[in-house]
C-alpha atoms as a PDB file:
ATOM      1  CA  MET A   1      56.595 135.329 104.673  1.00  0.00           C
ATOM      2  CA  PHE A   2      58.499 138.288 104.514  1.00  0.00           C
ATOM      3  CA  ASP A   3      59.454 139.529 107.769  1.00  0.00           C
ATOM      4  CA  ARG A   4      62.600 141.593 108.753  1.00  0.00           C
ATOM      5  CA  VAL A   5      65.121 138.942 110.161  1.00  0.00           C
ATOM      6  CA  SER A   6      67.205 141.479 110.857  1.00  0.00           C
ATOM      7  CA  ARG A   7      68.365 145.507 109.752  1.00  0.00           C
ATOM      8  CA  GLY A   8      70.965 143.819 108.411  1.00  0.00           C
ATOM      9  CA  ASP A   9      68.716 141.779 105.857  1.00  0.00           C
ATOM     10  CA  GLU A  10      66.232 144.773 104.888  1.00  0.00           C
ATOM     11  CA  GLN A  11      67.683 145.964 101.837  1.00  0.00           C
ATOM     12  CA  ARG A  12      67.808 142.089 100.448  1.00  0.00           C
ATOM     13  CA  GLN A  13      63.962 141.775 101.717  1.00  0.00           C
ATOM     14  CA  ARG A  14      63.162 144.745  99.746  1.00  0.00           C
ATOM     15  CA  ILE A  15      64.190 143.208  97.026  1.00  0.00           C
ATOM     16  CA  ILE A  16      62.256 139.558  97.364  1.00  0.00           C
ATOM     17  CA  GLU A  17      59.279 141.867  98.142  1.00  0.00           C
ATOM     18  CA  ALA A  18      59.642 143.766  94.438  1.00  0.00           C
ATOM     19  CA  LEU A  19      60.192 141.653  92.215  1.00  0.00           C
ATOM     20  CA  ALA A  20      57.503 139.826  94.149  1.00  0.00           C
ATOM     21  CA  VAL A  21      54.777 142.716  92.980  1.00  0.00           C
ATOM     22  CA  GLU A  22      56.994 142.718  89.807  1.00  0.00           C
ATOM     23  CA  ILE A  23      55.807 139.432  89.205  1.00  0.00           C
ATOM     24  CA  SER A  24      52.350 139.906  90.149  1.00  0.00           C
ATOM     25  CA  VAL A  25      51.414 143.001  87.505  1.00  0.00           C
ATOM     26  CA  ASN A  26      54.521 141.382  84.881  1.00  0.00           C
ATOM     27  CA  GLY A  27      54.898 138.007  85.130  1.00  0.00           C
ATOM     28  CA  TYR A  28      57.849 136.660  85.074  1.00  0.00           C
ATOM     29  CA  GLY A  29      59.254 137.248  82.095  1.00  0.00           C
ATOM     30  CA  GLY A  30      57.979 140.374  81.513  1.00  0.00           C
ATOM     31  CA  THR A  31      59.922 141.128  85.105  1.00  0.00           C
ATOM     32  CA  LYS A  32      63.747 142.876  84.397  1.00  0.00           C
ATOM     33  CA  ILE A  33      65.925 144.020  86.796  1.00  0.00           C
ATOM     34  CA  GLN A  34      66.183 147.479  86.799  1.00  0.00           C
ATOM     35  CA  ASP A  35      62.201 147.241  87.777  1.00  0.00           C
ATOM     36  CA  ILE A  36      62.909 145.163  90.439  1.00  0.00           C
ATOM     37  CA  ALA A  37      65.660 147.651  91.783  1.00  0.00           C
ATOM     38  CA  ARG A  38      63.466 150.523  91.339  1.00  0.00           C
ATOM     39  CA  GLY A  39      60.596 149.548  93.243  1.00  0.00           C
ATOM     40  CA  ALA A  40      63.240 148.757  96.333  1.00  0.00           C
ATOM     41  CA  LYS A  41      64.562 151.656  95.757  1.00  0.00           C
ATOM     42  CA  VAL A  42      67.579 150.481  95.193  1.00  0.00           C
ATOM     43  CA  SER A  43      71.108 150.815  92.666  1.00  0.00           C
ATOM     44  CA  LEU A  44      71.368 148.320  89.888  1.00  0.00           C
ATOM     45  CA  ARG A  45      75.345 147.583  91.445  1.00  0.00           C
ATOM     46  CA  THR A  46      73.674 146.938  94.845  1.00  0.00           C
ATOM     47  CA  PHE A  47      70.763 144.199  92.843  1.00  0.00           C
ATOM     48  CA  TYR A  48      73.696 142.318  92.156  1.00  0.00           C
ATOM     49  CA  ALA A  49      75.768 142.400  95.152  1.00  0.00           C
ATOM     50  CA  GLU A  50      71.988 140.894  96.756  1.00  0.00           C
ATOM     51  CA  PHE A  51      71.756 138.127  93.653  1.00  0.00           C
ATOM     52  CA  GLU A  52      73.574 136.767  90.995  1.00  0.00           C
ATOM     53  CA  SER A  53      70.332 136.880  88.568  1.00  0.00           C
ATOM     54  CA  LYS A  54      66.602 137.679  88.459  1.00  0.00           C
ATOM     55  CA  GLU A  55      66.392 133.939  88.747  1.00  0.00           C
ATOM     56  CA  ALA A  56      68.501 133.849  92.192  1.00  0.00           C
ATOM     57  CA  CYS A  57      65.659 136.482  93.425  1.00  0.00           C
ATOM     58  CA  PHE A  58      62.929 134.235  92.595  1.00  0.00           C
ATOM     59  CA  LEU A  59      63.863 130.937  94.375  1.00  0.00           C
ATOM     60  CA  GLU A  60      64.132 132.694  97.456  1.00  0.00           C
ATOM     61  CA  LEU A  61      61.322 133.905  96.992  1.00  0.00           C
ATOM     62  CA  TYR A  62      60.195 130.618  95.851  1.00  0.00           C
ATOM     63  CA  THR A  63      61.125 129.828  99.045  1.00  0.00           C
ATOM     64  CA  LEU A  64      59.474 131.512 101.611  1.00  0.00           C
ATOM     65  CA  VAL A  65      56.368 131.676  99.787  1.00  0.00           C
ATOM     66  CA  THR A  66      57.098 127.811  99.619  1.00  0.00           C
ATOM     67  CA  ASN A  67      57.649 128.079 103.733  1.00  0.00           C
ATOM     68  CA  ALA A  68      55.067 130.125 104.373  1.00  0.00           C
ATOM     69  CA  LEU A  69      52.548 127.846 103.327  1.00  0.00           C
ATOM     70  CA  PHE A  70      53.757 124.698 104.366  1.00  0.00           C
ATOM     71  CA  ASP A  71      53.558 126.459 108.277  1.00  0.00           C
ATOM     72  CA  ALA A  72      50.168 127.603 107.423  1.00  0.00           C
ATOM     73  CA  ILE A  73      48.948 123.756 106.285  1.00  0.00           C
ATOM     74  CA  GLN A  74      50.400 122.073 109.137  1.00  0.00           C
ATOM     75  CA  ALA A  75      48.693 124.939 112.030  1.00  0.00           C
ATOM     76  CA  SER A  76      45.593 124.015 109.617  1.00  0.00           C
ATOM     77  CA  ILE A  77      45.190 120.265 110.475  1.00  0.00           C
ATOM     78  CA  THR A  78      44.536 120.352 114.299  1.00  0.00           C
ATOM     79  CA  PHE A  79      42.933 117.028 113.944  1.00  0.00           C
ATOM     80  CA  GLU A  80      39.672 118.419 115.837  1.00  0.00           C
ATOM     81  CA  ASP A  81      37.516 117.468 113.052  1.00  0.00           C
ATOM     82  CA  PRO A  82      36.263 114.885 112.022  1.00  0.00           C
ATOM     83  CA  TRP A  83      39.527 113.431 108.805  1.00  0.00           C
ATOM     84  CA  ARG A  84      37.509 113.106 105.811  1.00  0.00           C
ATOM     85  CA  VAL A  85      37.646 116.874 106.350  1.00  0.00           C
ATOM     86  CA  GLU A  86      40.322 116.979 108.482  1.00  0.00           C
ATOM     87  CA  MET A  87      41.968 115.905 104.977  1.00  0.00           C
ATOM     88  CA  SER A  88      40.898 118.926 103.254  1.00  0.00           C
ATOM     89  CA  LYS A  89      42.785 121.679 104.503  1.00  0.00           C
ATOM     90  CA  GLY A  90      46.008 121.519 103.249  1.00  0.00           C
ATOM     91  CA  PHE A  91      45.185 121.345  99.837  1.00  0.00           C
ATOM     92  CA  ALA A  92      41.752 124.050 100.326  1.00  0.00           C
ATOM     93  CA  LEU A  93      44.764 126.026 101.917  1.00  0.00           C
ATOM     94  CA  HIS A  94      47.038 125.033  98.735  1.00  0.00           C
ATOM     95  CA  LEU A  95      45.063 125.461  96.165  1.00  0.00           C
ATOM     96  CA  ALA A  96      43.277 128.800  97.872  1.00  0.00           C
ATOM     97  CA  ALA A  97      47.231 130.604  97.622  1.00  0.00           C
ATOM     98  CA  LEU A  98      47.033 129.439  94.298  1.00  0.00           C
ATOM     99  CA  GLU A  99      44.137 131.144  92.878  1.00  0.00           C
ATOM    100  CA  GLY A 100      45.201 133.598  95.759  1.00  0.00           C
ATOM    101  CA  ALA A 101      47.894 135.073  92.521  1.00  0.00           C
ATOM    102  CA  PRO A 102      47.653 134.030  89.513  1.00  0.00           C
ATOM    103  CA  ARG A 103      51.291 135.304  88.052  1.00  0.00           C
ATOM    104  CA  LEU A 104      52.978 134.543  90.407  1.00  0.00           C
ATOM    105  CA  THR A 105      51.453 130.815  90.263  1.00  0.00           C
ATOM    106  CA  TYR A 106      52.031 130.590  87.368  1.00  0.00           C
ATOM    107  CA  ALA A 107      55.594 131.305  87.683  1.00  0.00           C
ATOM    108  CA  ALA A 108      55.950 129.331  90.007  1.00  0.00           C
ATOM    109  CA  MET A 109      54.276 125.933  87.911  1.00  0.00           C
ATOM    110  CA  ILE A 110      54.732 127.045  84.149  1.00  0.00           C
ATOM    111  CA  GLU A 111      57.967 129.367  84.170  1.00  0.00           C
ATOM    112  CA  MET A 112      59.628 127.970  86.291  1.00  0.00           C
ATOM    113  CA  ALA A 113      59.747 124.490  84.856  1.00  0.00           C
ATOM    114  CA  ALA A 114      61.449 126.653  81.865  1.00  0.00           C
ATOM    115  CA  LEU A 115      64.648 127.973  83.891  1.00  0.00           C
ATOM    116  CA  SER A 116      67.478 126.207  85.069  1.00  0.00           C
ATOM    117  CA  ASP A 117      67.759 122.629  86.514  1.00  0.00           C
ATOM    118  CA  ASP A 118      68.260 124.246  90.579  1.00  0.00           C
ATOM    119  CA  ALA A 119      64.926 125.968  89.844  1.00  0.00           C
ATOM    120  CA  ARG A 120      63.888 122.021  88.804  1.00  0.00           C
ATOM    121  CA  ASN A 121      65.131 120.721  91.563  1.00  0.00           C
ATOM    122  CA  LEU A 122      64.126 123.485  93.777  1.00  0.00           C
ATOM    123  CA  ARG A 123      60.809 122.796  93.003  1.00  0.00           C
ATOM    124  CA  SER A 124      60.860 118.257  92.953  1.00  0.00           C
ATOM    125  CA  ALA A 125      62.351 119.294  96.851  1.00  0.00           C
ATOM    126  CA  TRP A 126      58.768 121.058  96.810  1.00  0.00           C
ATOM    127  CA  LEU A 127      57.083 118.522  96.325  1.00  0.00           C
ATOM    128  CA  GLU A 128      59.260 115.630  98.200  1.00  0.00           C
ATOM    129  CA  ARG A 129      58.524 117.396 101.014  1.00  0.00           C
ATOM    130  CA  VAL A 130      54.608 117.639 100.707  1.00  0.00           C
ATOM    131  CA  GLY A 131      55.322 113.879 100.268  1.00  0.00           C
ATOM    132  CA  THR A 132      55.848 113.918 103.679  1.00  0.00           C
ATOM    133  CA  MET A 133      54.794 115.863 105.587  1.00  0.00           C
ATOM    134  CA  MET A 134      51.187 114.151 103.671  1.00  0.00           C
ATOM    135  CA  CYS A 135      52.218 110.691 104.974  1.00  0.00           C
ATOM    136  CA  GLU A 136      53.262 112.257 108.498  1.00  0.00           C
ATOM    137  CA  GLN A 137      49.866 113.794 108.833  1.00  0.00           C
ATOM    138  CA  ILE A 138      48.361 110.182 108.081  1.00  0.00           C
ATOM    139  CA  GLU A 139      50.170 108.717 110.660  1.00  0.00           C
ATOM    140  CA  LYS A 140      49.455 110.998 113.635  1.00  0.00           C
ATOM    141  CA  GLY A 141      45.670 110.763 111.873  1.00  0.00           C
ATOM    142  CA  ARG A 142      45.510 106.831 112.341  1.00  0.00           C
ATOM    143  CA  GLY A 143      46.527 107.882 115.720  1.00  0.00           C
ATOM    144  CA  VAL A 144      43.532 110.749 116.349  1.00  0.00           C
ATOM    145  CA  TYR A 145      40.863 108.172 114.065  1.00  0.00           C
ATOM    146  CA  THR A 146      41.009 104.529 115.813  1.00  0.00           C
ATOM    147  CA  ASP A 147      37.844 104.106 114.691  1.00  0.00           C
ATOM    148  CA  VAL A 148      39.025 104.232 110.545  1.00  0.00           C
ATOM    149  CA  PRO A 149      39.941 101.071 109.462  1.00  0.00           C
ATOM    150  CA  SER A 150      43.345 102.782 107.729  1.00  0.00           C
ATOM    151  CA  ARG A 151      46.804 101.935 106.683  1.00  0.00           C
ATOM    152  CA  SER A 152      49.840 104.408 105.476  1.00  0.00           C
ATOM    153  CA  LEU A 153      50.327 106.618 103.349  1.00  0.00           C
ATOM    154  CA  THR A 154      53.617 105.688 101.527  1.00  0.00           C
ATOM    155  CA  PRO A 155      55.827 108.120  99.692  1.00  0.00           C
ATOM    156  CA  LEU A 156      54.921 106.582  96.072  1.00  0.00           C
ATOM    157  CA  MET A 157      52.076 106.686  96.865  1.00  0.00           C
ATOM    158  CA  ALA A 158      52.345 110.656  98.073  1.00  0.00           C
ATOM    159  CA  ARG A 159      53.945 111.891  95.276  1.00  0.00           C
ATOM    160  CA  ALA A 160      51.897 109.733  92.967  1.00  0.00           C
ATOM    161  CA  ILE A 161      48.894 112.314  94.603  1.00  0.00           C
ATOM    162  CA  LEU A 162      50.636 115.090  94.800  1.00  0.00           C
ATOM    163  CA  GLY A 163      51.368 114.812  91.388  1.00  0.00           C
ATOM    164  CA  GLY A 164      48.257 113.916  89.709  1.00  0.00           C
ATOM    165  CA  LEU A 165      46.807 117.703  91.913  1.00  0.00           C
ATOM    166  CA  THR A 166      50.020 119.145  89.772  1.00  0.00           C
ATOM    167  CA  GLU A 167      49.306 118.158  85.959  1.00  0.00           C
ATOM    168  CA  MET A 168      44.880 119.444  86.651  1.00  0.00           C
ATOM    169  CA  VAL A 169      46.111 122.490  87.714  1.00  0.00           C
ATOM    170  CA  ILE A 170      48.747 123.529  85.084  1.00  0.00           C
ATOM    171  CA  ASP A 171      46.177 122.351  82.970  1.00  0.00           C
ATOM    172  CA  LEU A 172      43.379 124.921  84.573  1.00  0.00           C
ATOM    173  CA  ILE A 173      46.646 127.114  84.450  1.00  0.00           C
ATOM    174  CA  ILE A 174      47.363 127.518  81.029  1.00  0.00           C
ATOM    175  CA  SER A 175      43.621 126.993  80.307  1.00  0.00           C
ATOM    176  CA  ASN A 176      43.615 130.906  82.973  1.00  0.00           C
ATOM    177  CA  GLU A 177      41.019 128.725  84.595  1.00  0.00           C
ATOM    178  CA  TYR A 178      42.257 129.408  88.442  1.00  0.00           C
ATOM    179  CA  GLU A 179      38.505 130.658  89.621  1.00  0.00           C
ATOM    180  CA  ARG A 180      38.276 126.493  88.919  1.00  0.00           C
ATOM    181  CA  LEU A 181      40.470 125.617  91.461  1.00  0.00           C
ATOM    182  CA  PRO A 182      38.733 124.987  94.738  1.00  0.00           C
ATOM    183  CA  GLU A 183      37.190 122.133  92.897  1.00  0.00           C
ATOM    184  CA  LEU A 184      40.493 120.307  92.726  1.00  0.00           C
ATOM    185  CA  ILE A 185      39.499 120.132  96.698  1.00  0.00           C
ATOM    186  CA  ASP A 186      37.463 117.285  96.664  1.00  0.00           C
ATOM    187  CA  VAL A 187      39.559 115.620  94.623  1.00  0.00           C
ATOM    188  CA  ALA A 188      43.002 115.340  95.947  1.00  0.00           C
ATOM    189  CA  THR A 189      41.295 115.025  98.824  1.00  0.00           C
ATOM    190  CA  GLU A 190      38.903 111.550  97.578  1.00  0.00           C
ATOM    191  CA  LEU A 191      42.431 110.545  96.268  1.00  0.00           C
ATOM    192  CA  LEU A 192      43.978 110.717  99.076  1.00  0.00           C
ATOM    193  CA  TRP A 193      41.018 108.679 101.637  1.00  0.00           C
ATOM    194  CA  SER A 194      40.484 106.349  98.876  1.00  0.00           C
ATOM    195  CA  ALA A 195      44.806 105.777  99.247  1.00  0.00           C
ATOM    196  CA  VAL A 196      44.750 105.466 102.930  1.00  0.00           C
ATOM    197  CA  THR A 197      41.312 103.685 103.076  1.00  0.00           C
ATOM    198  CA  SER A 198      39.788 101.845 100.520  1.00  0.00           C
ATOM    199  CA  GLY A 199      39.055  98.183 100.841  1.00  0.00           C
ATOM    200  CA  LEU A 200      38.504  98.366 104.623  1.00  0.00           C
ATOM    201  CA  ASP A 201      35.666  98.674 106.259  1.00  0.00           C
ATOM    202  CA  GLN A 202      33.653 101.145 104.761  1.00  0.00           C
ATOM    203  CA  SER A 203      30.933 100.742 107.554  1.00  0.00           C
ATOM    204  CA  HIS A 204      32.701 104.242 109.076  1.00  0.00           C
ATOM    205  CA  LEU A 205      32.526 106.108 105.312  1.00  0.00           C
ATOM    206  CA  THR A 206      28.484 107.927 106.216  1.00  0.00           C
ATOM    207  CA  ALA A 207      29.868 109.780 109.122  1.00  0.00           C
ATOM    208  CA  GLN A 208      33.390 110.748 107.355  1.00  0.00           C
ATOM    209  CA  VAL A 209      31.607 111.909 103.314  1.00  0.00           C
ATOM    210  CA  ALA A 210      28.622 113.475 105.345  1.00  0.00           C
ATOM    211  CA  THR A 211      30.374 116.582 106.614  1.00  0.00           C
ATOM    212  CA  GLN A 212      33.096 116.941 104.304  1.00  0.00           C
ATOM    213  CA  PRO A 213      32.529 120.569 103.072  1.00  0.00           C
ATOM    214  CA  THR A 214      32.752 121.179  99.316  1.00  0.00           C
ATOM    215  CA  ALA A 215      34.437 123.539  97.191  1.00  0.00           C
ATOM    216  CA  ASN A 216      32.743 126.949  96.456  1.00  0.00           C
END
């Protein structure tokens, strides 16, 4: 996710990478601009030539990470497995990413909420983007799994599912129970599956449920 685009961008990328490293060790609140500059091997003057603040650098890091995660989620959905399994793939990737980087996760899920309106708007835009992708992927799935009675996923329902998942994630983060995040894969998948199939002919569900993988 930190591939360099050009030599002129290398300095900026080093600063962003250094911020990621500092947050992973000290958290966002414990990270100082001096430490970021030292890790990137640049002067404070150079840091401020690239970013007006630590928050501005963090928001660019957040954008890079979420863009990479978004691409990975889309690539994981191939419609080669049973539909319910396909539904679980995005949740599995997202939750694995959160579990694998606890301090970055805390920064993105907890500390970011206390930053500027720009930060909160960026996180809101991420949820909206993921919700739109969910709706689009459900429509694609409906075209592939024509034997499964289903309905479209509305943007409002997608946002409700993501909002509920976000609240459960935050509860586990606050409790410092990152290892339990994979437990939410089945919960989120069930919410999505029910939103798309609940109340329709249930005779097609047996095979889908039987092949649903469980979280480790």
